[in-house]
């Protein structure tokens, strides 16, 4: 396996011989690689379907929302009466 490493603008190829490692070490290296990708690779923008779902959700909430009368008062004691 070859990876490119940039040092001061110079790109150089270094070889990692993963096959020399035992299977558990290879798995651990792969897990660590996934961790680094999640940590350092920027997250892609949300897809169009995510935006559509978010808009549908808020349209649903808005359709069920209502306004309270101007003289409405909230009484916590009344709320908890049985």
C-alpha atoms as a PDB file:
ATOM      1  CA  UNK A   1       0.000   0.000   0.000  1.00  0.00           C
ATOM      2  CA  UNK A   2       1.361   3.426  -0.918  1.00  0.00           C
ATOM      3  CA  UNK A   3       0.412   6.733   0.632  1.00  0.00           C
ATOM      4  CA  UNK A   4       1.418  10.232  -0.419  1.00  0.00           C
ATOM      5  CA  UNK A   5       2.766  12.536   2.245  1.00  0.00           C
ATOM      6  CA  UNK A   6       3.340  16.244   1.702  1.00  0.00           C
ATOM      7  CA  UNK A   7       6.361  17.684   3.480  1.00  0.00           C
ATOM      8  CA  UNK A   8       6.965  21.376   2.850  1.00  0.00           C
ATOM      9  CA  UNK A   9       5.203  21.265  -0.512  1.00  0.00           C
ATOM     10  CA  UNK A  10       7.122  18.192  -1.685  1.00  0.00           C
ATOM     11  CA  UNK A  11       4.965  15.130  -2.191  1.00  0.00           C
ATOM     12  CA  UNK A  12       6.666  11.850  -1.489  1.00  0.00           C
ATOM     13  CA  UNK A  13       5.360   8.285  -1.585  1.00  0.00           C
ATOM     14  CA  UNK A  14       5.908   6.020   1.386  1.00  0.00           C
ATOM     15  CA  UNK A  15       5.104   2.330   1.410  1.00  0.00           C
ATOM     16  CA  UNK A  16       3.296   0.636   4.261  1.00  0.00           C
ATOM     17  CA  UNK A  17       3.463  -3.132   4.119  1.00  0.00           C
ATOM     18  CA  UNK A  18       0.228  -4.010   5.866  1.00  0.00           C
ATOM     19  CA  UNK A  19       0.555  -7.689   4.976  1.00  0.00           C
ATOM     20  CA  UNK A  20       3.453  -7.909   7.464  1.00  0.00           C
ATOM     21  CA  UNK A  21       1.040  -7.241  10.318  1.00  0.00           C
ATOM     22  CA  UNK A  22      -1.021  -9.985  11.960  1.00  0.00           C
ATOM     23  CA  UNK A  23      -4.766  -9.902  11.257  1.00  0.00           C
ATOM     24  CA  UNK A  24      -5.758  -8.254  14.594  1.00  0.00           C
ATOM     25  CA  UNK A  25      -3.216  -5.470  14.018  1.00  0.00           C
ATOM     26  CA  UNK A  26      -4.510  -4.909  10.471  1.00  0.00           C
ATOM     27  CA  UNK A  27      -8.052  -4.608  11.825  1.00  0.00           C
ATOM     28  CA  UNK A  28      -6.905  -2.158  14.473  1.00  0.00           C
ATOM     29  CA  UNK A  29      -5.068  -0.095  11.847  1.00  0.00           C
ATOM     30  CA  UNK A  30      -8.204  -0.025   9.699  1.00  0.00           C
ATOM     31  CA  UNK A  31     -10.323   1.097  12.679  1.00  0.00           C
ATOM     32  CA  UNK A  32      -7.809   3.850  13.439  1.00  0.00           C
ATOM     33  CA  UNK A  33      -7.885   4.949   9.792  1.00  0.00           C
ATOM     34  CA  UNK A  34     -11.699   5.231   9.943  1.00  0.00           C
ATOM     35  CA  UNK A  35     -11.365   7.304  13.127  1.00  0.00           C
ATOM     36  CA  UNK A  36      -8.934   9.691  11.408  1.00  0.00           C
ATOM     37  CA  UNK A  37     -11.218  10.047   8.386  1.00  0.00           C
ATOM     38  CA  UNK A  38     -14.188  10.937  10.613  1.00  0.00           C
ATOM     39  CA  UNK A  39     -12.041  13.392  12.574  1.00  0.00           C
ATOM     40  CA  UNK A  40     -10.283  15.225   9.736  1.00  0.00           C
ATOM     41  CA  UNK A  41     -12.317  14.846   6.528  1.00  0.00           C
ATOM     42  CA  UNK A  42     -14.958  17.572   6.222  1.00  0.00           C
ATOM     43  CA  UNK A  43     -18.569  16.437   6.259  1.00  0.00           C
ATOM     44  CA  UNK A  44     -20.307  16.777   2.909  1.00  0.00           C
ATOM     45  CA  UNK A  45     -23.314  19.034   2.663  1.00  0.00           C
ATOM     46  CA  UNK A  46     -26.679  17.525   3.381  1.00  0.00           C
ATOM     47  CA  UNK A  47     -28.485  15.930   0.507  1.00  0.00           C
ATOM     48  CA  UNK A  48     -31.590  17.361  -1.090  1.00  0.00           C
ATOM     49  CA  UNK A  49     -33.732  14.663   0.509  1.00  0.00           C
ATOM     50  CA  UNK A  50     -32.590  15.806   3.972  1.00  0.00           C
ATOM     51  CA  UNK A  51     -33.628  19.365   3.164  1.00  0.00           C
ATOM     52  CA  UNK A  52     -36.988  18.189   1.819  1.00  0.00           C
ATOM     53  CA  UNK A  53     -37.621  16.105   4.952  1.00  0.00           C
ATOM     54  CA  UNK A  54     -36.716  19.042   7.214  1.00  0.00           C
ATOM     55  CA  UNK A  55     -39.035  21.376   5.300  1.00  0.00           C
ATOM     56  CA  UNK A  56     -41.885  18.828   5.449  1.00  0.00           C
ATOM     57  CA  UNK A  57     -41.381  18.435   9.197  1.00  0.00           C
ATOM     58  CA  UNK A  58     -41.586  22.172   9.871  1.00  0.00           C
ATOM     59  CA  UNK A  59     -44.573  22.562   7.539  1.00  0.00           C
ATOM     60  CA  UNK A  60     -46.298  19.845   9.571  1.00  0.00           C
ATOM     61  CA  UNK A  61     -45.483  21.608  12.855  1.00  0.00           C
ATOM     62  CA  UNK A  62     -46.649  24.962  11.483  1.00  0.00           C
ATOM     63  CA  UNK A  63     -49.943  23.497  10.296  1.00  0.00           C
ATOM     64  CA  UNK A  64     -50.688  22.271  13.836  1.00  0.00           C
ATOM     65  CA  UNK A  65     -49.520  25.413  15.630  1.00  0.00           C
ATOM     66  CA  UNK A  66     -51.958  27.916  17.057  1.00  0.00           C
ATOM     67  CA  UNK A  67     -51.773  31.309  18.736  1.00  0.00           C
ATOM     68  CA  UNK A  68     -52.980  31.916  22.250  1.00  0.00           C
ATOM     69  CA  UNK A  69     -55.422  34.720  23.069  1.00  0.00           C
ATOM     70  CA  UNK A  70     -53.797  38.029  24.041  1.00  0.00           C
ATOM     71  CA  UNK A  71     -55.202  37.857  27.589  1.00  0.00           C
ATOM     72  CA  UNK A  72     -54.127  34.244  28.202  1.00  0.00           C
ATOM     73  CA  UNK A  73     -52.267  33.656  31.467  1.00  0.00           C
ATOM     74  CA  UNK A  74     -50.429  30.515  32.384  1.00  0.00           C
ATOM     75  CA  UNK A  75     -51.045  29.224  35.899  1.00  0.00           C
ATOM     76  CA  UNK A  76     -48.738  26.390  36.855  1.00  0.00           C
ATOM     77  CA  UNK A  77     -50.970  25.367  39.796  1.00  0.00           C
ATOM     78  CA  UNK A  78     -53.991  24.966  37.522  1.00  0.00           C
ATOM     79  CA  UNK A  79     -51.924  22.853  35.191  1.00  0.00           C
ATOM     80  CA  UNK A  80     -51.183  20.325  37.935  1.00  0.00           C
ATOM     81  CA  UNK A  81     -54.670  20.203  39.511  1.00  0.00           C
ATOM     82  CA  UNK A  82     -56.546  16.927  39.229  1.00  0.00           C
END
